[in-house]
Amino acid sequence: MARPDKVEAVDDIANRFRGATASVVTEYRGLSMAQLTELRRSLGPDATYRVAKNTLVKRAAADAGVEGLDALLSGPTAIAFVKGEPVDAAKALRDFAKTHQGLVIKGGFMDGRPLTVAEVNQLAELESREVLLAKLAGAMKANLSKAAGLFAAPASQVARLAQALADKRAEEGGAAEAPAADAAAEAPAEASE
């Protein structure tokens, strides 16, 4: 018969898997409690870091429908459950692992499939959602500006063409009036002779 504390732990981990947008499995061998607390703080408010027994995590993952993590569950295991943006948590874990050799990223789970260590690192290399949205907005604004310029170009070309035509007619009209004025000035002189 299962002990109530273990059943409760499995339910808690399974609920965390269900509520998480991503989860990252790590090994924390050699980290002190102070370092684990520092890691939890660096993950931010959208992620929780839970140390758990591998057998309990396997049962909880099976209950939550998470597959592909069994190979990662060996040695001292802790899981970061991310409820918000997974990029920020992946960056925090990667940066912490660079400075603390005791933390090893084993893999993870996101969007219904397991992640390799390389994929978690690629996730950490991405820019945050806010930065990507700002870049997208800037690109869209630039494209709209280009489109406005293209739509305005024919009108400005017509205006320049009309001005050039008016200038040409004025020049031709001025040139035609000058010979007519010269002819008119010479005509009275010939009539008087």
C-alpha atoms as a PDB file:
ATOM      1  CA  MET A   1       0.000   0.000   0.000  1.00  0.00           C
ATOM      2  CA  ALA A   2       1.302   3.434  -0.938  1.00  0.00           C
ATOM      3  CA  ARG A   3       2.194   5.836   1.800  1.00  0.00           C
ATOM      4  CA  PRO A   4       0.032   8.977   1.891  1.00  0.00           C
ATOM      5  CA  ASP A   5       3.013  11.346   1.796  1.00  0.00           C
ATOM      6  CA  LYS A   6       4.335   9.714  -1.378  1.00  0.00           C
ATOM      7  CA  VAL A   7       0.886   9.768  -3.002  1.00  0.00           C
ATOM      8  CA  GLU A   8       0.626  13.448  -2.149  1.00  0.00           C
ATOM      9  CA  ALA A   9       4.128  14.127  -3.562  1.00  0.00           C
ATOM     10  CA  VAL A  10       3.264  12.315  -6.819  1.00  0.00           C
ATOM     11  CA  ASP A  11       0.028  14.300  -7.143  1.00  0.00           C
ATOM     12  CA  ASP A  12       1.884  17.561  -6.511  1.00  0.00           C
ATOM     13  CA  ILE A  13       4.547  16.818  -9.143  1.00  0.00           C
ATOM     14  CA  ALA A  14       1.919  15.640 -11.648  1.00  0.00           C
ATOM     15  CA  ASN A  15      -0.052  18.863 -11.146  1.00  0.00           C
ATOM     16  CA  ARG A  16       3.132  20.884 -11.669  1.00  0.00           C
ATOM     17  CA  PHE A  17       3.765  19.016 -14.940  1.00  0.00           C
ATOM     18  CA  ARG A  18       0.191  19.710 -16.075  1.00  0.00           C
ATOM     19  CA  GLY A  19       0.374  23.404 -15.210  1.00  0.00           C
ATOM     20  CA  ALA A  20       3.835  24.048 -16.650  1.00  0.00           C
ATOM     21  CA  THR A  21       4.530  25.407 -20.126  1.00  0.00           C
ATOM     22  CA  ALA A  22       7.955  23.763 -19.912  1.00  0.00           C
ATOM     23  CA  SER A  23      10.043  21.796 -17.463  1.00  0.00           C
ATOM     24  CA  VAL A  24      13.811  21.364 -17.249  1.00  0.00           C
ATOM     25  CA  VAL A  25      15.384  18.348 -15.557  1.00  0.00           C
ATOM     26  CA  THR A  26      18.669  19.014 -13.765  1.00  0.00           C
ATOM     27  CA  GLU A  27      21.162  17.261 -11.549  1.00  0.00           C
ATOM     28  CA  TYR A  28      22.193  19.276  -8.518  1.00  0.00           C
ATOM     29  CA  ARG A  29      25.001  17.106  -7.118  1.00  0.00           C
ATOM     30  CA  GLY A  30      27.304  19.088  -4.847  1.00  0.00           C
ATOM     31  CA  LEU A  31      25.171  22.227  -4.515  1.00  0.00           C
ATOM     32  CA  SER A  32      24.606  23.587  -1.025  1.00  0.00           C
ATOM     33  CA  MET A  33      21.229  24.717   0.286  1.00  0.00           C
ATOM     34  CA  ALA A  34      22.365  28.333  -0.053  1.00  0.00           C
ATOM     35  CA  GLN A  35      23.211  27.739  -3.729  1.00  0.00           C
ATOM     36  CA  LEU A  36      19.863  26.016  -4.345  1.00  0.00           C
ATOM     37  CA  THR A  37      18.102  28.995  -2.762  1.00  0.00           C
ATOM     38  CA  GLU A  38      20.112  31.336  -4.994  1.00  0.00           C
ATOM     39  CA  LEU A  39      19.079  29.260  -8.025  1.00  0.00           C
ATOM     40  CA  ARG A  40      15.405  29.378  -7.032  1.00  0.00           C
ATOM     41  CA  ARG A  41      15.609  33.176  -6.750  1.00  0.00           C
ATOM     42  CA  SER A  42      17.341  33.514 -10.117  1.00  0.00           C
ATOM     43  CA  LEU A  43      14.544  31.552 -11.820  1.00  0.00           C
ATOM     44  CA  GLY A  44      12.070  34.292 -10.985  1.00  0.00           C
ATOM     45  CA  PRO A  45       8.401  34.168 -10.031  1.00  0.00           C
ATOM     46  CA  ASP A  46       7.253  32.157 -13.076  1.00  0.00           C
ATOM     47  CA  ALA A  47       9.296  29.059 -12.258  1.00  0.00           C
ATOM     48  CA  THR A  48       9.572  26.678  -9.331  1.00  0.00           C
ATOM     49  CA  TYR A  49      12.525  24.417  -8.661  1.00  0.00           C
ATOM     50  CA  ARG A  50      11.655  21.137  -6.986  1.00  0.00           C
ATOM     51  CA  VAL A  51      13.991  18.415  -5.747  1.00  0.00           C
ATOM     52  CA  ALA A  52      12.290  15.034  -6.043  1.00  0.00           C
ATOM     53  CA  LYS A  53      12.964  11.323  -5.999  1.00  0.00           C
ATOM     54  CA  ASN A  54      13.272   9.776  -9.439  1.00  0.00           C
ATOM     55  CA  THR A  55      10.662   7.072  -8.826  1.00  0.00           C
ATOM     56  CA  LEU A  56       8.122   9.688  -7.736  1.00  0.00           C
ATOM     57  CA  VAL A  57       8.891  11.850 -10.771  1.00  0.00           C
ATOM     58  CA  LYS A  58       8.462   8.854 -13.095  1.00  0.00           C
ATOM     59  CA  ARG A  59       5.048   8.085 -11.621  1.00  0.00           C
ATOM     60  CA  ALA A  60       4.000  11.735 -11.699  1.00  0.00           C
ATOM     61  CA  ALA A  61       5.149  12.121 -15.302  1.00  0.00           C
ATOM     62  CA  ALA A  62       3.163   9.048 -16.306  1.00  0.00           C
ATOM     63  CA  ASP A  63       0.085  10.436 -14.509  1.00  0.00           C
ATOM     64  CA  ALA A  64       0.476  13.801 -16.251  1.00  0.00           C
ATOM     65  CA  GLY A  65       1.020  12.243 -19.690  1.00  0.00           C
ATOM     66  CA  VAL A  66       4.637  13.392 -19.923  1.00  0.00           C
ATOM     67  CA  GLU A  67       6.727  10.905 -21.860  1.00  0.00           C
ATOM     68  CA  GLY A  68      10.416  10.695 -22.657  1.00  0.00           C
ATOM     69  CA  LEU A  69      11.894  11.773 -19.321  1.00  0.00           C
ATOM     70  CA  ASP A  70      12.720   8.339 -17.898  1.00  0.00           C
ATOM     71  CA  ALA A  71      16.239   8.353 -19.354  1.00  0.00           C
ATOM     72  CA  LEU A  72      16.949  11.686 -17.646  1.00  0.00           C
ATOM     73  CA  LEU A  73      15.898  10.514 -14.203  1.00  0.00           C
ATOM     74  CA  SER A  74      19.071   9.158 -12.649  1.00  0.00           C
ATOM     75  CA  GLY A  75      21.160  10.577  -9.824  1.00  0.00           C
ATOM     76  CA  PRO A  76      20.002  13.481  -7.683  1.00  0.00           C
ATOM     77  CA  THR A  77      17.240  15.111  -9.718  1.00  0.00           C
ATOM     78  CA  ALA A  78      15.530  18.464  -9.491  1.00  0.00           C
ATOM     79  CA  ILE A  79      13.038  19.880 -11.954  1.00  0.00           C
ATOM     80  CA  ALA A  80      12.349  23.488 -12.869  1.00  0.00           C
ATOM     81  CA  PHE A  81       8.649  23.860 -13.666  1.00  0.00           C
ATOM     82  CA  VAL A  82       8.068  26.964 -15.785  1.00  0.00           C
ATOM     83  CA  LYS A  83       4.607  28.516 -15.898  1.00  0.00           C
ATOM     84  CA  GLY A  84       5.453  31.582 -17.946  1.00  0.00           C
ATOM     85  CA  GLU A  85       8.075  32.243 -20.590  1.00  0.00           C
ATOM     86  CA  PRO A  86      10.485  29.269 -20.793  1.00  0.00           C
ATOM     87  CA  VAL A  87      13.276  31.371 -22.326  1.00  0.00           C
ATOM     88  CA  ASP A  88      13.930  33.300 -19.117  1.00  0.00           C
ATOM     89  CA  ALA A  89      14.093  30.157 -16.970  1.00  0.00           C
ATOM     90  CA  ALA A  90      16.360  28.390 -19.469  1.00  0.00           C
ATOM     91  CA  LYS A  91      18.714  31.395 -19.435  1.00  0.00           C
ATOM     92  CA  ALA A  92      18.761  31.454 -15.639  1.00  0.00           C
ATOM     93  CA  LEU A  93      19.564  27.739 -15.472  1.00  0.00           C
ATOM     94  CA  ARG A  94      22.255  27.987 -18.152  1.00  0.00           C
ATOM     95  CA  ASP A  95      23.909  30.979 -16.478  1.00  0.00           C
ATOM     96  CA  PHE A  96      23.792  29.338 -13.051  1.00  0.00           C
ATOM     97  CA  ALA A  97      25.296  26.127 -14.478  1.00  0.00           C
ATOM     98  CA  LYS A  98      28.183  28.141 -15.961  1.00  0.00           C
ATOM     99  CA  THR A  99      29.167  29.495 -12.555  1.00  0.00           C
ATOM    100  CA  HIS A 100      28.264  26.429 -10.455  1.00  0.00           C
ATOM    101  CA  GLN A 101      29.666  23.160 -11.777  1.00  0.00           C
ATOM    102  CA  GLY A 102      27.343  21.147  -9.526  1.00  0.00           C
ATOM    103  CA  LEU A 103      24.293  22.009 -11.633  1.00  0.00           C
ATOM    104  CA  VAL A 104      23.967  19.901 -14.776  1.00  0.00           C
ATOM    105  CA  ILE A 105      21.103  20.370 -17.225  1.00  0.00           C
ATOM    106  CA  LYS A 106      19.951  16.940 -18.402  1.00  0.00           C
ATOM    107  CA  GLY A 107      17.062  17.908 -20.695  1.00  0.00           C
ATOM    108  CA  GLY A 108      13.474  18.955 -20.452  1.00  0.00           C
ATOM    109  CA  PHE A 109       9.935  18.797 -21.718  1.00  0.00           C
ATOM    110  CA  MET A 110       7.970  21.392 -23.699  1.00  0.00           C
ATOM    111  CA  ASP A 111       5.054  21.420 -26.145  1.00  0.00           C
ATOM    112  CA  GLY A 112       4.324  17.729 -25.676  1.00  0.00           C
ATOM    113  CA  ARG A 113       7.808  16.439 -26.406  1.00  0.00           C
ATOM    114  CA  PRO A 114      11.086  15.881 -24.571  1.00  0.00           C
ATOM    115  CA  LEU A 115      13.960  18.333 -25.046  1.00  0.00           C
ATOM    116  CA  THR A 116      17.640  17.501 -25.303  1.00  0.00           C
ATOM    117  CA  VAL A 117      20.336  19.510 -23.528  1.00  0.00           C
ATOM    118  CA  ALA A 118      21.171  21.199 -26.846  1.00  0.00           C
ATOM    119  CA  GLU A 119      17.534  22.230 -27.302  1.00  0.00           C
ATOM    120  CA  VAL A 120      17.387  23.674 -23.790  1.00  0.00           C
ATOM    121  CA  ASN A 121      20.551  25.647 -24.572  1.00  0.00           C
ATOM    122  CA  GLN A 122      19.033  26.860 -27.853  1.00  0.00           C
ATOM    123  CA  LEU A 123      15.992  27.966 -25.911  1.00  0.00           C
ATOM    124  CA  ALA A 124      18.298  29.891 -23.574  1.00  0.00           C
ATOM    125  CA  GLU A 125      19.925  31.620 -26.564  1.00  0.00           C
ATOM    126  CA  LEU A 126      16.610  33.050 -27.746  1.00  0.00           C
ATOM    127  CA  GLU A 127      15.690  36.585 -26.855  1.00  0.00           C
ATOM    128  CA  SER A 128      12.774  37.147 -24.535  1.00  0.00           C
ATOM    129  CA  ARG A 129       9.237  37.342 -25.867  1.00  0.00           C
ATOM    130  CA  GLU A 130       9.066  41.103 -25.289  1.00  0.00           C
ATOM    131  CA  VAL A 131      12.249  41.727 -27.311  1.00  0.00           C
ATOM    132  CA  LEU A 132      11.050  39.507 -30.164  1.00  0.00           C
ATOM    133  CA  LEU A 133       7.666  41.267 -30.224  1.00  0.00           C
ATOM    134  CA  ALA A 134       9.394  44.659 -30.291  1.00  0.00           C
ATOM    135  CA  LYS A 135      11.558  43.544 -33.212  1.00  0.00           C
ATOM    136  CA  LEU A 136       8.483  42.249 -35.031  1.00  0.00           C
ATOM    137  CA  ALA A 137       6.661  45.534 -34.464  1.00  0.00           C
ATOM    138  CA  GLY A 138       9.666  47.468 -35.772  1.00  0.00           C
ATOM    139  CA  ALA A 139       9.863  45.299 -38.877  1.00  0.00           C
ATOM    140  CA  MET A 140       6.130  45.725 -39.508  1.00  0.00           C
ATOM    141  CA  LYS A 141       6.408  49.493 -39.076  1.00  0.00           C
ATOM    142  CA  ALA A 142       9.295  49.622 -41.541  1.00  0.00           C
ATOM    143  CA  ASN A 143       7.297  47.622 -44.085  1.00  0.00           C
ATOM    144  CA  LEU A 144       4.301  49.924 -43.633  1.00  0.00           C
ATOM    145  CA  SER A 145       6.540  52.954 -44.162  1.00  0.00           C
ATOM    146  CA  LYS A 146       7.888  51.407 -47.358  1.00  0.00           C
ATOM    147  CA  ALA A 147       4.341  50.705 -48.543  1.00  0.00           C
ATOM    148  CA  ALA A 148       3.267  54.281 -47.808  1.00  0.00           C
ATOM    149  CA  GLY A 149       6.241  55.536 -49.803  1.00  0.00           C
ATOM    150  CA  LEU A 150       5.362  53.268 -52.715  1.00  0.00           C
ATOM    151  CA  PHE A 151       1.739  54.398 -52.680  1.00  0.00           C
ATOM    152  CA  ALA A 152       2.772  58.060 -52.557  1.00  0.00           C
ATOM    153  CA  ALA A 153       5.405  57.702 -55.291  1.00  0.00           C
ATOM    154  CA  PRO A 154       3.021  57.706 -58.288  1.00  0.00           C
ATOM    155  CA  ALA A 155       1.273  60.849 -57.041  1.00  0.00           C
ATOM    156  CA  SER A 156       4.565  62.665 -56.555  1.00  0.00           C
ATOM    157  CA  GLN A 157       5.761  61.485 -59.974  1.00  0.00           C
ATOM    158  CA  VAL A 158       2.573  62.865 -61.572  1.00  0.00           C
ATOM    159  CA  ALA A 159       3.088  66.165 -59.755  1.00  0.00           C
ATOM    160  CA  ARG A 160       6.706  66.404 -60.958  1.00  0.00           C
ATOM    161  CA  LEU A 161       5.622  65.513 -64.502  1.00  0.00           C
ATOM    162  CA  ALA A 162       2.871  68.161 -64.461  1.00  0.00           C
ATOM    163  CA  GLN A 163       5.339  70.767 -63.198  1.00  0.00           C
ATOM    164  CA  ALA A 164       7.855  69.838 -65.888  1.00  0.00           C
ATOM    165  CA  LEU A 165       5.139  70.081 -68.541  1.00  0.00           C
ATOM    166  CA  ALA A 166       4.030  73.459 -67.206  1.00  0.00           C
ATOM    167  CA  ASP A 167       7.632  74.691 -67.213  1.00  0.00           C
ATOM    168  CA  LYS A 168       8.115  73.455 -70.785  1.00  0.00           C
ATOM    169  CA  ARG A 169       4.908  75.158 -71.985  1.00  0.00           C
ATOM    170  CA  ALA A 170       5.877  78.370 -70.229  1.00  0.00           C
ATOM    171  CA  GLU A 171       9.271  78.215 -71.876  1.00  0.00           C
ATOM    172  CA  GLU A 172       7.747  77.491 -75.298  1.00  0.00           C
ATOM    173  CA  GLY A 173       5.090  80.148 -74.772  1.00  0.00           C
ATOM    174  CA  GLY A 174       7.752  82.690 -73.790  1.00  0.00           C
ATOM    175  CA  ALA A 175       9.808  81.750 -76.854  1.00  0.00           C
ATOM    176  CA  ALA A 176       6.730  82.039 -79.159  1.00  0.00           C
ATOM    177  CA  GLU A 177       5.756  85.430 -77.712  1.00  0.00           C
ATOM    178  CA  ALA A 178       9.236  86.852 -78.218  1.00  0.00           C
ATOM    179  CA  PRO A 179       9.280  86.379 -82.038  1.00  0.00           C
ATOM    180  CA  ALA A 180       5.709  87.634 -82.243  1.00  0.00           C
ATOM    181  CA  ALA A 181       6.695  90.775 -80.311  1.00  0.00           C
ATOM    182  CA  ASP A 182       9.702  91.266 -82.584  1.00  0.00           C
ATOM    183  CA  ALA A 183       7.493  90.839 -85.656  1.00  0.00           C
ATOM    184  CA  ALA A 184       4.965  93.323 -84.282  1.00  0.00           C
ATOM    185  CA  ALA A 185       7.707  95.865 -83.624  1.00  0.00           C
ATOM    186  CA  GLU A 186       9.078  95.525 -87.138  1.00  0.00           C
ATOM    187  CA  ALA A 187       5.656  95.668 -88.811  1.00  0.00           C
ATOM    188  CA  PRO A 188       4.909  99.360 -87.998  1.00  0.00           C
ATOM    189  CA  ALA A 189       8.327 100.319 -89.166  1.00  0.00           C
ATOM    190  CA  GLU A 190       7.761  98.618 -92.566  1.00  0.00           C
ATOM    191  CA  ALA A 191       4.286 100.134 -92.883  1.00  0.00           C
ATOM    192  CA  SER A 192       5.651 103.657 -92.457  1.00  0.00           C
ATOM    193  CA  GLU A 193       8.201 103.202 -95.225  1.00  0.00           C
END
